[in-house]
């Protein structure tokens, strides 16, 4: 599992935005998404 935290200023601090980014980056799926970033499975 690899945890990735994004800066709010970069991603807009939006769960919706983070989810979209997570789906592109996380090859094995997304474990969780929050305003602070996301966690890959």
N, C-alpha and C. Protein backbone atom coordinates (compact mmCIF):
# COMPACT_ATOMS: atom_id res chain seq x y z
N UNK A 1 0.84 -1.20 0.00
CA UNK A 1 0.00 0.00 0.00
C UNK A 1 0.88 1.24 0.00
N UNK A 2 0.52 2.17 -0.84
CA UNK A 2 1.29 3.41 -0.93
C UNK A 2 0.37 4.58 -0.65
N UNK A 3 0.72 5.37 0.36
CA UNK A 3 -0.12 6.52 0.70
C UNK A 3 0.39 7.76 -0.02
N UNK A 4 -0.52 8.50 -0.61
CA UNK A 4 -0.16 9.71 -1.33
C UNK A 4 -1.00 10.86 -0.79
N UNK A 5 -0.33 11.92 -0.37
CA UNK A 5 -1.05 13.09 0.11
C UNK A 5 -0.78 14.24 -0.83
N UNK A 6 -1.82 14.89 -1.28
CA UNK A 6 -1.69 16.00 -2.21
C UNK A 6 -1.89 17.31 -1.48
N UNK A 7 -1.18 18.34 -1.92
CA UNK A 7 -1.37 19.65 -1.33
C UNK A 7 -2.70 20.23 -1.79
N UNK A 8 -3.41 20.80 -0.85
CA UNK A 8 -4.73 21.34 -1.15
C UNK A 8 -4.65 22.41 -2.24
N UNK A 9 -3.56 23.17 -2.23
CA UNK A 9 -3.42 24.25 -3.21
C UNK A 9 -3.24 23.71 -4.62
N UNK A 10 -2.72 22.49 -4.71
CA UNK A 10 -2.49 21.89 -6.02
C UNK A 10 -3.76 21.25 -6.56
N UNK A 11 -4.46 20.53 -5.71
CA UNK A 11 -5.62 19.75 -6.16
C UNK A 11 -6.94 20.42 -5.86
N UNK A 12 -6.89 21.56 -5.17
CA UNK A 12 -8.12 22.25 -4.84
C UNK A 12 -8.76 21.75 -3.55
N UNK A 13 -8.13 20.76 -2.92
CA UNK A 13 -8.64 20.25 -1.66
C UNK A 13 -9.99 19.58 -1.79
N UNK A 14 -10.28 19.07 -2.98
CA UNK A 14 -11.59 18.49 -3.24
C UNK A 14 -11.53 16.98 -3.28
N UNK A 15 -12.44 16.32 -2.56
CA UNK A 15 -12.50 14.86 -2.58
C UNK A 15 -12.76 14.39 -4.00
N UNK A 16 -13.63 15.09 -4.71
CA UNK A 16 -13.97 14.72 -6.08
C UNK A 16 -12.73 14.78 -6.97
N UNK A 17 -11.94 15.84 -6.83
CA UNK A 17 -10.72 16.00 -7.61
C UNK A 17 -9.71 14.93 -7.24
N UNK A 18 -9.53 14.71 -5.94
CA UNK A 18 -8.58 13.70 -5.48
C UNK A 18 -8.97 12.31 -5.97
N UNK A 19 -10.25 12.02 -5.99
CA UNK A 19 -10.72 10.72 -6.45
C UNK A 19 -10.38 10.52 -7.92
N UNK A 20 -10.54 11.58 -8.71
CA UNK A 20 -10.22 11.49 -10.13
C UNK A 20 -8.73 11.25 -10.34
N UNK A 21 -7.91 11.95 -9.56
CA UNK A 21 -6.46 11.77 -9.66
C UNK A 21 -6.07 10.38 -9.18
N UNK A 22 -6.67 9.94 -8.08
CA UNK A 22 -6.37 8.63 -7.51
C UNK A 22 -6.66 7.52 -8.51
N UNK A 23 -7.77 7.64 -9.22
CA UNK A 23 -8.15 6.60 -10.17
C UNK A 23 -7.14 6.49 -11.31
N UNK A 24 -6.48 7.61 -11.62
CA UNK A 24 -5.47 7.59 -12.69
C UNK A 24 -4.14 7.05 -12.19
N UNK A 25 -3.80 7.37 -10.94
CA UNK A 25 -2.49 7.00 -10.40
C UNK A 25 -2.47 5.60 -9.79
N UNK A 26 -3.53 5.24 -9.07
CA UNK A 26 -3.56 3.96 -8.36
C UNK A 26 -3.91 2.82 -9.32
N UNK A 27 -2.91 2.03 -9.66
CA UNK A 27 -3.10 0.93 -10.61
C UNK A 27 -3.97 -0.18 -10.02
N UNK A 28 -3.84 -0.42 -8.71
CA UNK A 28 -4.54 -1.54 -8.07
C UNK A 28 -5.83 -1.12 -7.40
N UNK A 29 -6.24 0.12 -7.61
CA UNK A 29 -7.46 0.59 -6.99
C UNK A 29 -7.19 1.58 -5.88
N UNK A 30 -8.23 2.24 -5.44
CA UNK A 30 -8.12 3.27 -4.41
C UNK A 30 -8.73 2.77 -3.11
N UNK A 31 -7.95 2.89 -2.02
CA UNK A 31 -8.45 2.45 -0.72
C UNK A 31 -9.33 3.51 -0.08
N UNK A 32 -8.85 4.75 -0.09
CA UNK A 32 -9.64 5.83 0.49
C UNK A 32 -9.26 7.16 -0.12
N UNK A 33 -10.20 8.09 -0.07
CA UNK A 33 -9.97 9.43 -0.60
C UNK A 33 -10.48 10.44 0.41
N UNK A 34 -9.71 11.50 0.62
CA UNK A 34 -10.12 12.56 1.54
C UNK A 34 -9.73 13.91 0.95
N UNK A 35 -10.03 14.96 1.69
CA UNK A 35 -9.63 16.29 1.24
C UNK A 35 -8.12 16.44 1.20
N UNK A 36 -7.40 15.65 2.00
CA UNK A 36 -5.95 15.77 2.10
C UNK A 36 -5.21 14.99 1.03
N UNK A 37 -5.90 14.06 0.40
CA UNK A 37 -5.22 13.23 -0.59
C UNK A 37 -5.94 11.91 -0.75
N UNK A 38 -5.15 10.86 -1.01
CA UNK A 38 -5.77 9.55 -1.20
C UNK A 38 -4.78 8.45 -0.87
N UNK A 39 -5.30 7.25 -0.68
CA UNK A 39 -4.47 6.09 -0.37
C UNK A 39 -4.76 4.99 -1.37
N UNK A 40 -3.68 4.50 -2.03
CA UNK A 40 -3.83 3.40 -2.97
C UNK A 40 -3.90 2.09 -2.21
N UNK A 41 -4.55 1.10 -2.79
CA UNK A 41 -4.61 -0.24 -2.19
C UNK A 41 -3.25 -0.89 -2.29
